[in-house]
Amino acid sequence: GRRIVDTVADGAIGAIETLRALADAERIEAAAGRLAAARSVLAYGSGGSSSLAAIELQNRLFRLGLAVAAYCDGEMQRMTASAVDAGTAVVAFSISGHVQPIVEAVTVARQYGAATVVITAPGSPLALAGEILVPFSVGEDEAALLRPSPTRYALLGCVDMLAFATAEAMGPQVLERLRRIKQSINTLKYNDPH
């Protein structure tokens, strides 16, 4: 009974601890500075964990008042990358860094002047394509086919670090918007005594 619970929980905790040990705070802050200064943000991901990270980045950044959209389809990534300018920041997630549509989209976006932040494996094609690399090397466990990969917990932790750093880079102007969102959500909880 406890084996499944403990295996999943231990995997998630281990992935977060690995992220804590390996996270590059300076690069996260540099990436956040580019996001805070952007007029719009595009978040790209492909596959299970990376798509989830792109969508979660959208969830985190809209609260800060940033115009942000997440795309998990390679053709949409390429098309939206073709429409960027210097006011756009692109954030691309790929655990392997070898997903060709994302590499191509980041390359195109960079050619058109967008700030390009890549959260991926160092030395990978995506790492080389981006302007700011936030190294992510919390590996997948290929042997554990039945168990969901704990890597996504670390990737979501990286999203939260990036969003937190972006909020700090933007400063107090984000507080009123966050307060309004929280108030709006609380009015929907009709029977919640808290």
N, C-alpha and C. Protein backbone atom coordinates (compact mmCIF):
# COMPACT_ATOMS: atom_id res chain seq x y z
N GLY A 1 0.81 -1.20 0.00
CA GLY A 1 0.00 0.00 0.00
C GLY A 1 0.85 1.26 0.00
N ARG A 2 1.77 1.37 0.98
CA ARG A 2 2.59 2.58 1.09
C ARG A 2 3.65 2.66 0.00
N ARG A 3 3.99 1.53 -0.62
CA ARG A 3 5.08 1.51 -1.59
C ARG A 3 4.84 2.52 -2.72
N ILE A 4 3.62 2.55 -3.27
CA ILE A 4 3.32 3.46 -4.37
C ILE A 4 3.38 4.91 -3.90
N VAL A 5 2.75 5.18 -2.75
CA VAL A 5 2.76 6.53 -2.20
C VAL A 5 4.19 7.00 -1.96
N ASP A 6 4.98 6.16 -1.31
CA ASP A 6 6.35 6.54 -0.96
C ASP A 6 7.22 6.68 -2.21
N THR A 7 7.05 5.81 -3.19
CA THR A 7 7.86 5.87 -4.41
C THR A 7 7.63 7.18 -5.15
N VAL A 8 6.36 7.55 -5.32
CA VAL A 8 6.06 8.80 -6.03
C VAL A 8 6.53 10.00 -5.23
N ALA A 9 6.24 10.02 -3.93
CA ALA A 9 6.64 11.16 -3.09
C ALA A 9 8.16 11.27 -3.01
N ASP A 10 8.86 10.16 -2.85
CA ASP A 10 10.32 10.20 -2.78
C ASP A 10 10.92 10.67 -4.10
N GLY A 11 10.32 10.26 -5.22
CA GLY A 11 10.80 10.71 -6.52
C GLY A 11 10.64 12.21 -6.69
N ALA A 12 9.48 12.75 -6.28
CA ALA A 12 9.23 14.19 -6.39
C ALA A 12 10.19 14.97 -5.50
N ILE A 13 10.37 14.52 -4.27
CA ILE A 13 11.28 15.20 -3.34
C ILE A 13 12.71 15.15 -3.87
N GLY A 14 13.12 14.00 -4.38
CA GLY A 14 14.47 13.86 -4.93
C GLY A 14 14.69 14.79 -6.12
N ALA A 15 13.69 14.92 -6.99
CA ALA A 15 13.81 15.80 -8.16
C ALA A 15 13.93 17.25 -7.73
N ILE A 16 13.14 17.66 -6.74
CA ILE A 16 13.21 19.04 -6.25
C ILE A 16 14.55 19.31 -5.57
N GLU A 17 15.05 18.34 -4.81
CA GLU A 17 16.37 18.51 -4.17
C GLU A 17 17.47 18.61 -5.21
N THR A 18 17.39 17.83 -6.28
CA THR A 18 18.37 17.93 -7.36
C THR A 18 18.30 19.31 -8.01
N LEU A 19 17.08 19.80 -8.25
CA LEU A 19 16.92 21.14 -8.80
C LEU A 19 17.54 22.18 -7.89
N ARG A 20 17.28 22.07 -6.59
CA ARG A 20 17.84 23.03 -5.63
C ARG A 20 19.36 23.05 -5.71
N ALA A 21 19.97 21.88 -5.80
CA ALA A 21 21.43 21.78 -5.84
C ALA A 21 22.02 22.33 -7.13
N LEU A 22 21.30 22.16 -8.25
CA LEU A 22 21.85 22.50 -9.56
C LEU A 22 21.36 23.83 -10.13
N ALA A 23 20.32 24.42 -9.54
CA ALA A 23 19.73 25.64 -10.11
C ALA A 23 20.76 26.76 -10.16
N ASP A 24 20.77 27.48 -11.27
CA ASP A 24 21.69 28.59 -11.48
C ASP A 24 20.92 29.89 -11.25
N ALA A 25 21.03 30.43 -10.05
CA ALA A 25 20.24 31.60 -9.65
C ALA A 25 20.52 32.81 -10.54
N GLU A 26 21.77 33.01 -10.94
CA GLU A 26 22.11 34.16 -11.78
C GLU A 26 21.43 34.07 -13.14
N ARG A 27 21.39 32.89 -13.71
CA ARG A 27 20.74 32.74 -15.02
C ARG A 27 19.22 32.87 -14.89
N ILE A 28 18.67 32.37 -13.80
CA ILE A 28 17.23 32.54 -13.58
C ILE A 28 16.89 34.02 -13.46
N GLU A 29 17.70 34.77 -12.73
CA GLU A 29 17.46 36.21 -12.59
C GLU A 29 17.67 36.94 -13.91
N ALA A 30 18.65 36.54 -14.71
CA ALA A 30 18.86 37.16 -16.02
C ALA A 30 17.66 36.91 -16.93
N ALA A 31 17.15 35.67 -16.91
CA ALA A 31 15.97 35.34 -17.71
C ALA A 31 14.76 36.13 -17.23
N ALA A 32 14.60 36.24 -15.93
CA ALA A 32 13.47 36.99 -15.36
C ALA A 32 13.53 38.45 -15.76
N GLY A 33 14.71 39.01 -15.81
CA GLY A 33 14.85 40.40 -16.24
C GLY A 33 14.36 40.61 -17.66
N ARG A 34 14.63 39.64 -18.53
CA ARG A 34 14.16 39.74 -19.91
C ARG A 34 12.64 39.59 -19.98
N LEU A 35 12.08 38.72 -19.14
CA LEU A 35 10.62 38.54 -19.13
C LEU A 35 9.95 39.81 -18.58
N ALA A 36 10.50 40.36 -17.52
CA ALA A 36 9.90 41.56 -16.90
C ALA A 36 9.88 42.74 -17.86
N ALA A 37 10.85 42.80 -18.77
CA ALA A 37 10.95 43.91 -19.71
C ALA A 37 10.17 43.69 -21.00
N ALA A 38 9.63 42.49 -21.20
CA ALA A 38 8.97 42.15 -22.46
C ALA A 38 7.55 42.71 -22.53
N ARG A 39 7.13 43.04 -23.75
CA ARG A 39 5.72 43.41 -23.98
C ARG A 39 4.86 42.17 -24.07
N SER A 40 5.43 41.07 -24.58
CA SER A 40 4.69 39.81 -24.68
C SER A 40 5.65 38.65 -24.50
N VAL A 41 5.09 37.52 -24.05
CA VAL A 41 5.89 36.32 -23.79
C VAL A 41 5.23 35.15 -24.49
N LEU A 42 6.04 34.33 -25.16
CA LEU A 42 5.58 33.08 -25.74
C LEU A 42 6.28 31.95 -25.00
N ALA A 43 5.50 30.97 -24.54
CA ALA A 43 6.06 29.82 -23.83
C ALA A 43 5.86 28.58 -24.70
N TYR A 44 6.94 27.87 -24.97
CA TYR A 44 6.91 26.69 -25.83
C TYR A 44 7.29 25.45 -25.04
N GLY A 45 6.56 24.36 -25.27
CA GLY A 45 6.90 23.07 -24.70
C GLY A 45 6.41 21.98 -25.62
N SER A 46 7.02 20.81 -25.53
CA SER A 46 6.61 19.68 -26.34
C SER A 46 6.75 18.43 -25.50
N GLY A 47 5.77 17.54 -25.60
CA GLY A 47 5.79 16.35 -24.76
C GLY A 47 5.11 16.63 -23.43
N GLY A 48 5.05 15.63 -22.59
CA GLY A 48 4.29 15.73 -21.35
C GLY A 48 4.77 16.80 -20.40
N SER A 49 5.97 16.66 -19.86
CA SER A 49 6.45 17.58 -18.83
C SER A 49 6.72 18.97 -19.36
N SER A 50 7.30 19.07 -20.55
CA SER A 50 7.64 20.39 -21.10
C SER A 50 6.39 21.16 -21.50
N SER A 51 5.39 20.49 -22.02
CA SER A 51 4.12 21.16 -22.33
C SER A 51 3.46 21.67 -21.06
N LEU A 52 3.48 20.85 -20.03
CA LEU A 52 2.93 21.24 -18.74
C LEU A 52 3.66 22.47 -18.20
N ALA A 53 4.98 22.52 -18.35
CA ALA A 53 5.76 23.66 -17.88
C ALA A 53 5.39 24.92 -18.64
N ALA A 54 5.21 24.82 -19.96
CA ALA A 54 4.85 26.00 -20.76
C ALA A 54 3.48 26.54 -20.33
N ILE A 55 2.54 25.64 -20.14
CA ILE A 55 1.19 26.06 -19.72
C ILE A 55 1.23 26.66 -18.31
N GLU A 56 2.02 26.07 -17.44
CA GLU A 56 2.13 26.60 -16.08
C GLU A 56 2.82 27.96 -16.07
N LEU A 57 3.79 28.17 -16.96
CA LEU A 57 4.41 29.49 -17.04
C LEU A 57 3.37 30.53 -17.46
N GLN A 58 2.50 30.15 -18.39
CA GLN A 58 1.40 31.05 -18.77
C GLN A 58 0.53 31.37 -17.55
N ASN A 59 0.20 30.35 -16.78
CA ASN A 59 -0.61 30.55 -15.57
C ASN A 59 0.06 31.48 -14.57
N ARG A 60 1.37 31.39 -14.44
CA ARG A 60 2.09 32.22 -13.47
C ARG A 60 2.27 33.66 -13.97
N LEU A 61 2.57 33.83 -15.25
CA LEU A 61 2.94 35.16 -15.74
C LEU A 61 1.76 36.07 -16.04
N PHE A 62 0.61 35.50 -16.42
CA PHE A 62 -0.52 36.40 -16.69
C PHE A 62 -0.91 37.16 -15.42
N ARG A 63 -0.69 36.53 -14.27
CA ARG A 63 -1.01 37.17 -12.99
C ARG A 63 -0.16 38.43 -12.75
N LEU A 64 0.97 38.51 -13.44
CA LEU A 64 1.86 39.66 -13.29
C LEU A 64 1.55 40.76 -14.29
N GLY A 65 0.54 40.52 -15.14
CA GLY A 65 0.15 41.51 -16.13
C GLY A 65 0.86 41.36 -17.45
N LEU A 66 1.61 40.27 -17.61
CA LEU A 66 2.30 40.05 -18.88
C LEU A 66 1.35 39.41 -19.89
N ALA A 67 1.44 39.84 -21.14
CA ALA A 67 0.69 39.21 -22.22
C ALA A 67 1.45 37.94 -22.59
N VAL A 68 0.92 36.79 -22.22
CA VAL A 68 1.65 35.53 -22.36
C VAL A 68 0.74 34.48 -22.99
N ALA A 69 1.32 33.67 -23.87
CA ALA A 69 0.59 32.56 -24.49
C ALA A 69 1.50 31.35 -24.55
N ALA A 70 0.93 30.17 -24.30
CA ALA A 70 1.68 28.92 -24.35
C ALA A 70 1.29 28.15 -25.61
N TYR A 71 2.28 27.56 -26.26
CA TYR A 71 2.06 26.75 -27.46
C TYR A 71 2.80 25.43 -27.33
N CYS A 72 2.07 24.34 -27.56
CA CYS A 72 2.65 23.00 -27.45
C CYS A 72 2.66 22.27 -28.79
N ASP A 73 2.28 22.96 -29.85
CA ASP A 73 2.27 22.40 -31.20
C ASP A 73 3.42 23.01 -31.99
N GLY A 74 4.22 22.16 -32.62
CA GLY A 74 5.41 22.63 -33.33
C GLY A 74 5.13 23.63 -34.43
N GLU A 75 4.06 23.43 -35.19
CA GLU A 75 3.75 24.37 -36.27
C GLU A 75 3.34 25.73 -35.71
N MET A 76 2.54 25.73 -34.63
CA MET A 76 2.16 27.01 -34.01
C MET A 76 3.38 27.70 -33.40
N GLN A 77 4.29 26.92 -32.85
CA GLN A 77 5.52 27.51 -32.31
C GLN A 77 6.29 28.21 -33.43
N ARG A 78 6.42 27.56 -34.56
CA ARG A 78 7.16 28.14 -35.69
C ARG A 78 6.44 29.39 -36.22
N MET A 79 5.11 29.32 -36.35
CA MET A 79 4.36 30.47 -36.86
C MET A 79 4.44 31.66 -35.91
N THR A 80 4.24 31.41 -34.61
CA THR A 80 4.28 32.52 -33.66
C THR A 80 5.70 33.09 -33.56
N ALA A 81 6.71 32.24 -33.68
CA ALA A 81 8.10 32.72 -33.66
C ALA A 81 8.38 33.64 -34.83
N SER A 82 7.71 33.41 -35.94
CA SER A 82 7.90 34.24 -37.13
C SER A 82 7.28 35.63 -36.98
N ALA A 83 6.43 35.81 -35.99
CA ALA A 83 5.71 37.08 -35.82
C ALA A 83 6.25 37.92 -34.66
N VAL A 84 7.38 37.53 -34.07
CA VAL A 84 7.90 38.25 -32.91
C VAL A 84 8.69 39.48 -33.32
N ASP A 85 9.03 40.29 -32.30
CA ASP A 85 9.95 41.40 -32.49
C ASP A 85 10.76 41.56 -31.21
N ALA A 86 11.49 42.66 -31.12
CA ALA A 86 12.37 42.85 -29.96
C ALA A 86 11.61 43.02 -28.65
N GLY A 87 10.31 43.24 -28.69
CA GLY A 87 9.52 43.36 -27.48
C GLY A 87 9.00 42.03 -26.96
N THR A 88 9.34 40.95 -27.65
CA THR A 88 8.86 39.61 -27.29
C THR A 88 9.95 38.83 -26.58
N ALA A 89 9.55 38.06 -25.59
CA ALA A 89 10.45 37.08 -24.97
C ALA A 89 9.87 35.69 -25.22
N VAL A 90 10.70 34.78 -25.66
CA VAL A 90 10.30 33.40 -25.88
C VAL A 90 10.97 32.55 -24.81
N VAL A 91 10.18 31.68 -24.15
CA VAL A 91 10.71 30.74 -23.17
C VAL A 91 10.40 29.35 -23.68
N ALA A 92 11.44 28.55 -23.90
CA ALA A 92 11.26 27.21 -24.45
C ALA A 92 11.73 26.16 -23.46
N PHE A 93 10.87 25.16 -23.24
CA PHE A 93 11.18 24.07 -22.33
C PHE A 93 11.39 22.78 -23.12
N SER A 94 12.47 22.09 -22.84
CA SER A 94 12.69 20.75 -23.39
C SER A 94 13.69 20.05 -22.50
N ILE A 95 13.31 18.93 -21.93
CA ILE A 95 14.20 18.21 -21.03
C ILE A 95 15.43 17.72 -21.79
N SER A 96 15.23 17.19 -23.00
CA SER A 96 16.35 16.67 -23.79
C SER A 96 17.08 17.76 -24.56
N GLY A 97 16.32 18.77 -25.03
CA GLY A 97 16.91 19.80 -25.86
C GLY A 97 17.08 19.40 -27.31
N HIS A 98 16.49 18.28 -27.69
CA HIS A 98 16.63 17.75 -29.05
C HIS A 98 15.32 17.75 -29.83
N VAL A 99 14.31 18.47 -29.36
CA VAL A 99 13.03 18.52 -30.06
C VAL A 99 13.15 19.54 -31.19
N GLN A 100 13.22 19.04 -32.42
CA GLN A 100 13.56 19.89 -33.56
C GLN A 100 12.61 21.07 -33.78
N PRO A 101 11.28 20.90 -33.70
CA PRO A 101 10.40 22.07 -33.90
C PRO A 101 10.67 23.21 -32.92
N ILE A 102 10.97 22.89 -31.67
CA ILE A 102 11.25 23.94 -30.69
C ILE A 102 12.60 24.60 -31.00
N VAL A 103 13.59 23.81 -31.35
CA VAL A 103 14.89 24.38 -31.72
C VAL A 103 14.72 25.34 -32.89
N GLU A 104 13.94 24.93 -33.89
CA GLU A 104 13.71 25.78 -35.06
C GLU A 104 12.95 27.05 -34.69
N ALA A 105 11.92 26.91 -33.85
CA ALA A 105 11.13 28.09 -33.46
C ALA A 105 11.99 29.09 -32.68
N VAL A 106 12.83 28.61 -31.78
CA VAL A 106 13.71 29.50 -31.01
C VAL A 106 14.71 30.18 -31.95
N THR A 107 15.23 29.45 -32.89
CA THR A 107 16.17 30.02 -33.87
C THR A 107 15.51 31.13 -34.67
N VAL A 108 14.28 30.89 -35.12
CA VAL A 108 13.54 31.89 -35.89
C VAL A 108 13.26 33.12 -35.03
N ALA A 109 12.78 32.89 -33.81
CA ALA A 109 12.45 34.02 -32.91
C ALA A 109 13.68 34.87 -32.62
N ARG A 110 14.79 34.23 -32.43
CA ARG A 110 16.03 34.97 -32.14
C ARG A 110 16.46 35.80 -33.35
N GLN A 111 16.26 35.25 -34.54
CA GLN A 111 16.61 35.99 -35.77
C GLN A 111 15.78 37.26 -35.91
N TYR A 112 14.54 37.23 -35.39
CA TYR A 112 13.67 38.39 -35.47
C TYR A 112 13.78 39.32 -34.26
N GLY A 113 14.75 39.07 -33.40
CA GLY A 113 15.05 40.01 -32.33
C GLY A 113 14.45 39.71 -30.97
N ALA A 114 13.72 38.60 -30.83
CA ALA A 114 13.13 38.26 -29.53
C ALA A 114 14.21 37.83 -28.54
N ALA A 115 13.97 38.11 -27.27
CA ALA A 115 14.80 37.51 -26.22
C ALA A 115 14.42 36.04 -26.15
N THR A 116 15.40 35.16 -26.14
CA THR A 116 15.10 33.72 -26.12
C THR A 116 15.73 33.08 -24.89
N VAL A 117 14.86 32.53 -24.05
CA VAL A 117 15.26 31.84 -22.83
C VAL A 117 14.96 30.36 -23.04
N VAL A 118 15.95 29.52 -22.79
CA VAL A 118 15.75 28.08 -22.96
C VAL A 118 16.05 27.37 -21.65
N ILE A 119 15.11 26.54 -21.23
CA ILE A 119 15.28 25.72 -20.03
C ILE A 119 15.45 24.30 -20.54
N THR A 120 16.69 23.83 -20.53
CA THR A 120 16.99 22.57 -21.21
C THR A 120 18.35 22.03 -20.81
N ALA A 121 18.70 20.89 -21.40
CA ALA A 121 19.98 20.24 -21.11
C ALA A 121 21.14 21.04 -21.69
N PRO A 122 22.15 21.33 -20.88
CA PRO A 122 23.33 22.04 -21.40
C PRO A 122 23.97 21.27 -22.55
N GLY A 123 24.45 22.00 -23.54
CA GLY A 123 25.13 21.38 -24.67
C GLY A 123 24.20 20.84 -25.74
N SER A 124 22.90 20.88 -25.51
CA SER A 124 21.93 20.35 -26.48
C SER A 124 21.71 21.37 -27.60
N PRO A 125 21.11 20.94 -28.72
CA PRO A 125 20.81 21.90 -29.80
C PRO A 125 19.96 23.08 -29.33
N LEU A 126 19.00 22.84 -28.44
CA LEU A 126 18.17 23.95 -27.94
C LEU A 126 19.01 24.89 -27.07
N ALA A 127 19.90 24.34 -26.25
CA ALA A 127 20.77 25.17 -25.42
C ALA A 127 21.60 26.11 -26.29
N LEU A 128 22.06 25.61 -27.42
CA LEU A 128 22.89 26.41 -28.32
C LEU A 128 22.07 27.43 -29.10
N ALA A 129 20.78 27.16 -29.30
CA ALA A 129 19.92 28.05 -30.08
C ALA A 129 19.46 29.27 -29.29
N GLY A 130 19.36 29.15 -27.97
CA GLY A 130 18.81 30.23 -27.16
C GLY A 130 19.84 31.26 -26.76
N GLU A 131 19.33 32.40 -26.36
CA GLU A 131 20.19 33.50 -25.90
C GLU A 131 20.59 33.30 -24.43
N ILE A 132 19.62 32.98 -23.59
CA ILE A 132 19.88 32.75 -22.16
C ILE A 132 19.52 31.29 -21.85
N LEU A 133 20.51 30.53 -21.44
CA LEU A 133 20.30 29.14 -21.05
C LEU A 133 20.11 29.06 -19.54
N VAL A 134 18.98 28.48 -19.14
CA VAL A 134 18.79 28.08 -17.74
C VAL A 134 18.98 26.57 -17.75
N PRO A 135 20.17 26.10 -17.34
CA PRO A 135 20.46 24.67 -17.47
C PRO A 135 19.52 23.82 -16.62
N PHE A 136 19.00 22.79 -17.25
CA PHE A 136 18.11 21.85 -16.55
C PHE A 136 18.63 20.45 -16.82
N SER A 137 19.17 19.81 -15.79
CA SER A 137 19.74 18.48 -15.99
C SER A 137 19.27 17.50 -14.93
N VAL A 138 17.98 17.58 -14.61
CA VAL A 138 17.37 16.58 -13.74
C VAL A 138 16.90 15.47 -14.66
N GLY A 139 17.63 14.36 -14.71
CA GLY A 139 17.40 13.33 -15.72
C GLY A 139 16.15 12.51 -15.51
N GLU A 140 15.68 11.93 -16.61
CA GLU A 140 14.56 10.98 -16.58
C GLU A 140 15.07 9.62 -16.12
N ASP A 141 14.20 8.86 -15.45
CA ASP A 141 14.54 7.50 -15.03
C ASP A 141 13.94 6.54 -16.06
N GLU A 142 14.76 6.13 -17.02
CA GLU A 142 14.28 5.30 -18.12
C GLU A 142 13.85 3.91 -17.66
N ALA A 143 14.41 3.42 -16.54
CA ALA A 143 14.11 2.07 -16.09
C ALA A 143 12.74 1.94 -15.45
N ALA A 144 12.20 3.02 -14.93
CA ALA A 144 10.94 2.98 -14.19
C ALA A 144 9.78 3.27 -15.14
N LEU A 145 9.36 2.26 -15.89
CA LEU A 145 8.32 2.47 -16.90
C LEU A 145 6.94 2.70 -16.29
N LEU A 146 6.64 2.04 -15.19
CA LEU A 146 5.32 2.17 -14.59
C LEU A 146 5.15 3.47 -13.81
N ARG A 147 6.23 3.91 -13.19
CA ARG A 147 6.16 5.11 -12.34
C ARG A 147 6.21 6.37 -13.19
N PRO A 148 5.31 7.33 -12.95
CA PRO A 148 5.41 8.62 -13.65
C PRO A 148 6.75 9.28 -13.33
N SER A 149 7.32 9.96 -14.31
CA SER A 149 8.63 10.59 -14.13
C SER A 149 8.56 11.72 -13.12
N PRO A 150 9.46 11.72 -12.14
CA PRO A 150 9.48 12.82 -11.17
C PRO A 150 10.11 14.10 -11.72
N THR A 151 10.67 14.02 -12.94
CA THR A 151 11.34 15.19 -13.52
C THR A 151 10.41 16.37 -13.64
N ARG A 152 9.12 16.13 -13.88
CA ARG A 152 8.19 17.25 -14.06
C ARG A 152 8.05 18.09 -12.80
N TYR A 153 8.24 17.48 -11.63
CA TYR A 153 8.19 18.28 -10.39
C TYR A 153 9.32 19.30 -10.38
N ALA A 154 10.50 18.87 -10.81
CA ALA A 154 11.63 19.79 -10.87
C ALA A 154 11.40 20.86 -11.93
N LEU A 155 10.82 20.47 -13.06
CA LEU A 155 10.57 21.45 -14.13
C LEU A 155 9.55 22.49 -13.66
N LEU A 156 8.52 22.05 -12.94
CA LEU A 156 7.55 23.01 -12.39
C LEU A 156 8.19 23.88 -11.30
N GLY A 157 9.12 23.32 -10.55
CA GLY A 157 9.87 24.12 -9.59
C GLY A 157 10.67 25.20 -10.30
N CYS A 158 11.24 24.86 -11.43
CA CYS A 158 11.99 25.83 -12.23
C CYS A 158 11.06 26.94 -12.74
N VAL A 159 9.85 26.56 -13.16
CA VAL A 159 8.85 27.55 -13.58
C VAL A 159 8.55 28.51 -12.44
N ASP A 160 8.34 27.98 -11.24
CA ASP A 160 8.03 28.83 -10.09
C ASP A 160 9.20 29.76 -9.74
N MET A 161 10.42 29.26 -9.85
CA MET A 161 11.59 30.11 -9.59
C MET A 161 11.63 31.26 -10.60
N LEU A 162 11.38 30.94 -11.86
CA LEU A 162 11.41 31.95 -12.91
C LEU A 162 10.29 32.97 -12.73
N ALA A 163 9.10 32.50 -12.37
CA ALA A 163 7.96 33.41 -12.15
C ALA A 163 8.19 34.30 -10.93
N PHE A 164 8.72 33.74 -9.87
CA PHE A 164 9.00 34.50 -8.65
C PHE A 164 10.04 35.58 -8.94
N ALA A 165 11.10 35.20 -9.64
CA ALA A 165 12.15 36.15 -9.99
C ALA A 165 11.61 37.25 -10.91
N THR A 166 10.70 36.88 -11.81
CA THR A 166 10.09 37.87 -12.71
C THR A 166 9.24 38.86 -11.91
N ALA A 167 8.45 38.35 -10.97
CA ALA A 167 7.64 39.23 -10.13
C ALA A 167 8.52 40.20 -9.35
N GLU A 168 9.63 39.72 -8.82
CA GLU A 168 10.54 40.60 -8.08
C GLU A 168 11.17 41.63 -9.01
N ALA A 169 11.50 41.22 -10.23
CA ALA A 169 12.09 42.16 -11.20
C ALA A 169 11.09 43.24 -11.60
N MET A 170 9.81 42.90 -11.63
CA MET A 170 8.78 43.87 -12.00
C MET A 170 8.47 44.83 -10.86
N GLY A 171 8.65 44.37 -9.63
CA GLY A 171 8.47 45.23 -8.47
C GLY A 171 7.05 45.32 -7.97
N PRO A 172 6.78 46.30 -7.10
CA PRO A 172 5.50 46.41 -6.40
C PRO A 172 4.28 46.59 -7.31
N GLN A 173 4.50 47.00 -8.57
CA GLN A 173 3.36 47.21 -9.47
C GLN A 173 2.51 45.95 -9.65
N VAL A 174 3.07 44.78 -9.39
CA VAL A 174 2.31 43.54 -9.60
C VAL A 174 1.40 43.21 -8.43
N LEU A 175 1.61 43.83 -7.28
CA LEU A 175 0.88 43.44 -6.08
C LEU A 175 -0.62 43.69 -6.19
N GLU A 176 -1.02 44.83 -6.73
CA GLU A 176 -2.45 45.13 -6.82
C GLU A 176 -3.16 44.14 -7.74
N ARG A 177 -2.52 43.80 -8.85
CA ARG A 177 -3.13 42.83 -9.78
C ARG A 177 -3.27 41.46 -9.09
N LEU A 178 -2.25 41.03 -8.37
CA LEU A 178 -2.31 39.74 -7.66
C LEU A 178 -3.41 39.77 -6.60
N ARG A 179 -3.54 40.91 -5.90
CA ARG A 179 -4.60 41.03 -4.88
C ARG A 179 -5.97 40.92 -5.52
N ARG A 180 -6.17 41.59 -6.68
CA ARG A 180 -7.47 41.56 -7.36
C ARG A 180 -7.81 40.15 -7.82
N ILE A 181 -6.82 39.43 -8.34
CA ILE A 181 -7.06 38.06 -8.80
C ILE A 181 -7.46 37.18 -7.61
N LYS A 182 -6.74 37.30 -6.50
CA LYS A 182 -7.05 36.51 -5.31
C LYS A 182 -8.46 36.83 -4.80
N GLN A 183 -8.82 38.10 -4.78
CA GLN A 183 -10.16 38.50 -4.34
C GLN A 183 -11.23 37.93 -5.26
N SER A 184 -10.99 37.99 -6.56
CA SER A 184 -11.95 37.46 -7.53
C SER A 184 -12.17 35.96 -7.34
N ILE A 185 -11.08 35.24 -7.12
CA ILE A 185 -11.17 33.79 -6.90
C ILE A 185 -11.93 33.49 -5.61
N ASN A 186 -11.64 34.25 -4.57
CA ASN A 186 -12.29 34.01 -3.28
C ASN A 186 -13.80 34.22 -3.34
N THR A 187 -14.28 35.11 -4.20
CA THR A 187 -15.73 35.34 -4.28
C THR A 187 -16.46 34.16 -4.93
N LEU A 188 -15.71 33.27 -5.59
CA LEU A 188 -16.34 32.08 -6.21
C LEU A 188 -16.52 30.93 -5.23
N LYS A 189 -15.90 31.02 -4.08
CA LYS A 189 -15.91 29.91 -3.10
C LYS A 189 -17.08 30.12 -2.12
N TYR A 190 -18.27 29.88 -2.62
CA TYR A 190 -19.48 30.20 -1.86
C TYR A 190 -19.58 29.52 -0.52
N ASN A 191 -19.26 28.23 -0.46
CA ASN A 191 -19.46 27.48 0.77
C ASN A 191 -18.18 27.18 1.52
N ASP A 192 -17.09 27.85 1.14
CA ASP A 192 -15.81 27.62 1.78
C ASP A 192 -15.70 28.53 3.02
N PRO A 193 -15.65 27.95 4.22
CA PRO A 193 -15.61 28.79 5.42
C PRO A 193 -14.30 29.58 5.57
N HIS A 194 -13.27 29.26 4.77
CA HIS A 194 -11.99 29.97 4.85
C HIS A 194 -11.94 31.09 3.86
